[in-house]
Amino acid sequence: MLARLRHLPNDASSIVLYDHIRDIVKQLIPVATNKHITISMSGAENVIVTSQPQLLSVMLSNIIDNAIKYTPSYGTITINLLKISHNVVIEINDTGPGIPPEKYDYVFQRFSRLLGNEETGSGLGLAIVRHISEALGIKITLDVPGYSYGLCVRLEISG
């Protein structure tokens, strides 16, 4: 997948970010519905960013797909879009098992998989996310959501 990213168009354009994220969520709703996971979005609906739409889609799809994959049935995922000063922040919070803080750097490495994880996958999802975030100049951090469990993926786009 990382090799295929080089072949995506890299033309930057203006993107209504809320609509862009909503379209990605719509594509992933069938998977969430199968697990009875509720996905909600809130925040600044009129924020426009200049970015590469296809790369941004791949990155956000990977993050949201991971949130669905690791959130247990009947869990929730919340996506918040915030405008803070000149920056735009996307927070994707889930009610899954989370990642221990000491493993935050590890999970961004290629083929990394946490022990005890029963989900299938190659361990490339967050490596791809990191690669794209660096290419697009988006700061990515992991944290525990305000409700003390799960995972919060925070993307900060400088304006």
C-alpha atoms as a PDB file:
ATOM      1  CA  MET A   1       0.000   0.000   0.000  1.00  0.00           C
ATOM      2  CA  LEU A   2       2.781   2.447   0.813  1.00  0.00           C
ATOM      3  CA  ALA A   3       4.214   1.968  -2.679  1.00  0.00           C
ATOM      4  CA  ARG A   4       0.793   2.585  -4.258  1.00  0.00           C
ATOM      5  CA  LEU A   5       0.484   5.930  -2.464  1.00  0.00           C
ATOM      6  CA  ARG A   6       3.153   7.363  -4.760  1.00  0.00           C
ATOM      7  CA  HIS A   7       0.831   6.867  -7.727  1.00  0.00           C
ATOM      8  CA  LEU A   8      -2.113   8.827  -6.309  1.00  0.00           C
ATOM      9  CA  PRO A   9      -2.626  12.321  -7.747  1.00  0.00           C
ATOM     10  CA  ASN A  10      -0.930  14.876  -5.547  1.00  0.00           C
ATOM     11  CA  ASP A  11      -2.844  17.941  -6.647  1.00  0.00           C
ATOM     12  CA  ALA A  12      -3.920  20.042  -3.697  1.00  0.00           C
ATOM     13  CA  SER A  13      -7.397  21.499  -3.730  1.00  0.00           C
ATOM     14  CA  SER A  14      -9.856  23.164  -1.380  1.00  0.00           C
ATOM     15  CA  ILE A  15     -11.831  20.663   0.667  1.00  0.00           C
ATOM     16  CA  VAL A  16     -14.871  21.227   2.860  1.00  0.00           C
ATOM     17  CA  LEU A  17     -13.485  19.007   5.581  1.00  0.00           C
ATOM     18  CA  TYR A  18     -16.729  18.123   7.375  1.00  0.00           C
ATOM     19  CA  ASP A  19     -18.326  16.949   4.111  1.00  0.00           C
ATOM     20  CA  HIS A  20     -15.171  15.038   3.183  1.00  0.00           C
ATOM     21  CA  ILE A  21     -15.139  13.167   6.501  1.00  0.00           C
ATOM     22  CA  ARG A  22     -18.899  12.533   6.328  1.00  0.00           C
ATOM     23  CA  ASP A  23     -18.463  10.908   2.892  1.00  0.00           C
ATOM     24  CA  ILE A  24     -15.774   8.594   4.286  1.00  0.00           C
ATOM     25  CA  VAL A  25     -17.991   7.672   7.240  1.00  0.00           C
ATOM     26  CA  LYS A  26     -20.877   6.883   4.855  1.00  0.00           C
ATOM     27  CA  GLN A  27     -18.654   4.343   3.080  1.00  0.00           C
ATOM     28  CA  LEU A  28     -17.757   2.668   6.386  1.00  0.00           C
ATOM     29  CA  ILE A  29     -21.252   2.677   7.947  1.00  0.00           C
ATOM     30  CA  PRO A  30     -22.092  -0.906   6.799  1.00  0.00           C
ATOM     31  CA  VAL A  31     -19.119  -2.291   8.751  1.00  0.00           C
ATOM     32  CA  ALA A  32     -20.034  -0.234  11.837  1.00  0.00           C
ATOM     33  CA  THR A  33     -23.688  -1.242  11.561  1.00  0.00           C
ATOM     34  CA  ASN A  34     -22.742  -4.937  11.537  1.00  0.00           C
ATOM     35  CA  LYS A  35     -21.109  -4.387  14.941  1.00  0.00           C
ATOM     36  CA  HIS A  36     -23.892  -2.085  16.211  1.00  0.00           C
ATOM     37  CA  ILE A  37     -21.362   0.743  16.562  1.00  0.00           C
ATOM     38  CA  THR A  38     -22.680   4.287  16.647  1.00  0.00           C
ATOM     39  CA  ILE A  39     -20.640   6.905  14.785  1.00  0.00           C
ATOM     40  CA  SER A  40     -21.366  10.569  15.410  1.00  0.00           C
ATOM     41  CA  MET A  41     -19.850  13.738  14.010  1.00  0.00           C
ATOM     42  CA  SER A  42     -19.877  17.245  15.351  1.00  0.00           C
ATOM     43  CA  GLY A  43     -18.051  20.489  14.957  1.00  0.00           C
ATOM     44  CA  ALA A  44     -17.209  23.141  12.447  1.00  0.00           C
ATOM     45  CA  GLU A  45     -19.125  22.252   9.287  1.00  0.00           C
ATOM     46  CA  ASN A  46     -17.789  25.097   7.137  1.00  0.00           C
ATOM     47  CA  VAL A  47     -14.025  24.641   7.581  1.00  0.00           C
ATOM     48  CA  ILE A  48     -12.130  24.546   4.306  1.00  0.00           C
ATOM     49  CA  VAL A  49      -8.591  23.193   4.064  1.00  0.00           C
ATOM     50  CA  THR A  50      -6.210  22.937   1.154  1.00  0.00           C
ATOM     51  CA  SER A  51      -4.901  19.409   0.863  1.00  0.00           C
ATOM     52  CA  GLN A  52      -4.618  16.395  -1.383  1.00  0.00           C
ATOM     53  CA  PRO A  53      -8.105  14.837  -1.281  1.00  0.00           C
ATOM     54  CA  GLN A  54      -7.148  11.258  -2.151  1.00  0.00           C
ATOM     55  CA  LEU A  55      -4.302  11.054   0.354  1.00  0.00           C
ATOM     56  CA  LEU A  56      -6.463  12.657   3.019  1.00  0.00           C
ATOM     57  CA  SER A  57      -9.200  10.097   2.272  1.00  0.00           C
ATOM     58  CA  VAL A  58      -6.808   7.158   2.582  1.00  0.00           C
ATOM     59  CA  MET A  59      -5.496   8.486   5.899  1.00  0.00           C
ATOM     60  CA  LEU A  60      -8.925   9.188   7.408  1.00  0.00           C
ATOM     61  CA  SER A  61     -10.370   5.915   6.111  1.00  0.00           C
ATOM     62  CA  ASN A  62      -7.562   3.973   7.785  1.00  0.00           C
ATOM     63  CA  ILE A  63      -8.085   5.765  11.102  1.00  0.00           C
ATOM     64  CA  ILE A  64     -11.881   5.400  11.110  1.00  0.00           C
ATOM     65  CA  ASP A  65     -11.693   1.795   9.886  1.00  0.00           C
ATOM     66  CA  ASN A  66      -9.276   1.000  12.748  1.00  0.00           C
ATOM     67  CA  ALA A  67     -11.648   2.657  15.212  1.00  0.00           C
ATOM     68  CA  ILE A  68     -14.479   0.442  13.938  1.00  0.00           C
ATOM     69  CA  LYS A  69     -12.295  -2.670  13.940  1.00  0.00           C
ATOM     70  CA  TYR A  70     -11.098  -2.237  17.534  1.00  0.00           C
ATOM     71  CA  THR A  71     -14.290  -0.880  19.079  1.00  0.00           C
ATOM     72  CA  PRO A  72     -16.344  -3.705  20.540  1.00  0.00           C
ATOM     73  CA  SER A  73     -19.938  -4.287  19.483  1.00  0.00           C
ATOM     74  CA  TYR A  74     -22.353  -1.620  20.735  1.00  0.00           C
ATOM     75  CA  GLY A  75     -19.485   0.837  21.186  1.00  0.00           C
ATOM     76  CA  THR A  76     -19.255   4.407  19.956  1.00  0.00           C
ATOM     77  CA  ILE A  77     -16.994   6.488  17.768  1.00  0.00           C
ATOM     78  CA  THR A  78     -17.146  10.265  17.866  1.00  0.00           C
ATOM     79  CA  ILE A  79     -15.519  12.524  15.331  1.00  0.00           C
ATOM     80  CA  ASN A  80     -15.042  16.157  16.307  1.00  0.00           C
ATOM     81  CA  LEU A  81     -13.906  18.828  13.886  1.00  0.00           C
ATOM     82  CA  LEU A  82     -12.552  21.927  15.608  1.00  0.00           C
ATOM     83  CA  LYS A  83     -11.194  25.245  14.423  1.00  0.00           C
ATOM     84  CA  ILE A  84      -8.607  26.427  16.945  1.00  0.00           C
ATOM     85  CA  SER A  85      -6.990  29.734  16.050  1.00  0.00           C
ATOM     86  CA  HIS A  86      -5.481  29.175  12.591  1.00  0.00           C
ATOM     87  CA  ASN A  87      -5.436  25.395  12.891  1.00  0.00           C
ATOM     88  CA  VAL A  88      -8.008  22.706  12.208  1.00  0.00           C
ATOM     89  CA  VAL A  89      -8.180  19.728  14.548  1.00  0.00           C
ATOM     90  CA  ILE A  90      -9.888  16.411  13.832  1.00  0.00           C
ATOM     91  CA  GLU A  91     -10.399  14.167  16.848  1.00  0.00           C
ATOM     92  CA  ILE A  92     -11.510  10.580  16.322  1.00  0.00           C
ATOM     93  CA  ASN A  93     -12.437   8.984  19.647  1.00  0.00           C
ATOM     94  CA  ASP A  94     -13.450   5.372  20.133  1.00  0.00           C
ATOM     95  CA  THR A  95     -14.513   3.173  23.023  1.00  0.00           C
ATOM     96  CA  GLY A  96     -12.143   0.345  22.156  1.00  0.00           C
ATOM     97  CA  PRO A  97      -9.352  -1.095  24.291  1.00  0.00           C
ATOM     98  CA  GLY A  98      -7.013   1.792  23.536  1.00  0.00           C
ATOM     99  CA  ILE A  99      -3.254   1.644  23.198  1.00  0.00           C
ATOM    100  CA  PRO A 100      -0.890   1.910  26.167  1.00  0.00           C
ATOM    101  CA  PRO A 101       0.953   5.260  25.989  1.00  0.00           C
ATOM    102  CA  GLU A 102       4.334   3.515  25.948  1.00  0.00           C
ATOM    103  CA  LYS A 103       3.270   1.822  22.661  1.00  0.00           C
ATOM    104  CA  TYR A 104       2.210   5.002  20.807  1.00  0.00           C
ATOM    105  CA  ASP A 105       5.413   5.207  18.747  1.00  0.00           C
ATOM    106  CA  TYR A 106       5.519   1.454  18.175  1.00  0.00           C
ATOM    107  CA  VAL A 107       2.058   1.231  16.547  1.00  0.00           C
ATOM    108  CA  PHE A 108       3.146   3.638  13.778  1.00  0.00           C
ATOM    109  CA  GLN A 109       5.916   1.265  12.673  1.00  0.00           C
ATOM    110  CA  ARG A 110       5.374  -1.056   9.720  1.00  0.00           C
ATOM    111  CA  PHE A 111       3.984  -4.506  10.565  1.00  0.00           C
ATOM    112  CA  SER A 112       3.504  -3.626  14.235  1.00  0.00           C
ATOM    113  CA  ARG A 113       0.807  -5.526  16.066  1.00  0.00           C
ATOM    114  CA  LEU A 114       0.072  -5.352  19.775  1.00  0.00           C
ATOM    115  CA  LEU A 115       0.182  -8.645  21.631  1.00  0.00           C
ATOM    116  CA  GLY A 116      -3.210  -9.918  22.726  1.00  0.00           C
ATOM    117  CA  ASN A 117      -4.892  -8.258  19.768  1.00  0.00           C
ATOM    118  CA  GLU A 118      -7.325 -10.676  18.139  1.00  0.00           C
ATOM    119  CA  GLU A 119      -8.230  -8.509  15.141  1.00  0.00           C
ATOM    120  CA  THR A 120      -6.864  -9.453  11.734  1.00  0.00           C
ATOM    121  CA  GLY A 121      -4.579  -7.128   9.859  1.00  0.00           C
ATOM    122  CA  SER A 122      -1.084  -6.648   8.544  1.00  0.00           C
ATOM    123  CA  GLY A 123       0.067  -3.977  10.972  1.00  0.00           C
ATOM    124  CA  LEU A 124       0.412  -1.427   8.178  1.00  0.00           C
ATOM    125  CA  GLY A 125      -2.642   0.782   8.827  1.00  0.00           C
ATOM    126  CA  LEU A 126      -1.056   3.287  11.195  1.00  0.00           C
ATOM    127  CA  ALA A 127       2.264   3.179   9.311  1.00  0.00           C
ATOM    128  CA  ILE A 128       0.329   4.355   6.254  1.00  0.00           C
ATOM    129  CA  VAL A 129      -1.407   7.005   8.355  1.00  0.00           C
ATOM    130  CA  ARG A 130       1.949   8.289   9.654  1.00  0.00           C
ATOM    131  CA  HIS A 131       3.438   8.314   6.139  1.00  0.00           C
ATOM    132  CA  ILE A 132       0.520  10.327   4.734  1.00  0.00           C
ATOM    133  CA  SER A 133       0.379  12.703   7.696  1.00  0.00           C
ATOM    134  CA  GLU A 134       4.054  13.522   7.182  1.00  0.00           C
ATOM    135  CA  ALA A 135       3.542  14.011   3.432  1.00  0.00           C
ATOM    136  CA  LEU A 136       0.601  16.357   4.056  1.00  0.00           C
ATOM    137  CA  GLY A 137       2.203  18.201   6.970  1.00  0.00           C
ATOM    138  CA  ILE A 138      -0.468  17.034   9.418  1.00  0.00           C
ATOM    139  CA  LYS A 139       0.545  16.511  13.042  1.00  0.00           C
ATOM    140  CA  ILE A 140      -0.848  13.271  14.451  1.00  0.00           C
ATOM    141  CA  THR A 141      -0.999  12.328  18.113  1.00  0.00           C
ATOM    142  CA  LEU A 142      -2.577   9.523  20.096  1.00  0.00           C
ATOM    143  CA  ASP A 143      -4.133   9.984  23.505  1.00  0.00           C
ATOM    144  CA  VAL A 144      -6.812   8.674  25.815  1.00  0.00           C
ATOM    145  CA  PRO A 145     -10.200  10.361  25.244  1.00  0.00           C
ATOM    146  CA  GLY A 146     -11.656  12.558  27.972  1.00  0.00           C
ATOM    147  CA  TYR A 147     -13.762   9.649  29.253  1.00  0.00           C
ATOM    148  CA  SER A 148     -10.560   7.764  30.271  1.00  0.00           C
ATOM    149  CA  TYR A 149     -10.692   4.697  28.011  1.00  0.00           C
ATOM    150  CA  GLY A 150     -10.440   3.958  24.318  1.00  0.00           C
ATOM    151  CA  LEU A 151      -8.275   5.899  21.916  1.00  0.00           C
ATOM    152  CA  CYS A 152      -8.246   9.456  20.627  1.00  0.00           C
ATOM    153  CA  VAL A 153      -6.478  10.036  17.306  1.00  0.00           C
ATOM    154  CA  ARG A 154      -5.868  13.754  16.930  1.00  0.00           C
ATOM    155  CA  LEU A 155      -4.937  15.307  13.597  1.00  0.00           C
ATOM    156  CA  GLU A 156      -3.835  18.933  13.506  1.00  0.00           C
ATOM    157  CA  ILE A 157      -3.767  20.746  10.198  1.00  0.00           C
ATOM    158  CA  SER A 158      -1.925  24.066  10.252  1.00  0.00           C
ATOM    159  CA  GLY A 159      -3.724  26.928   8.607  1.00  0.00           C
END
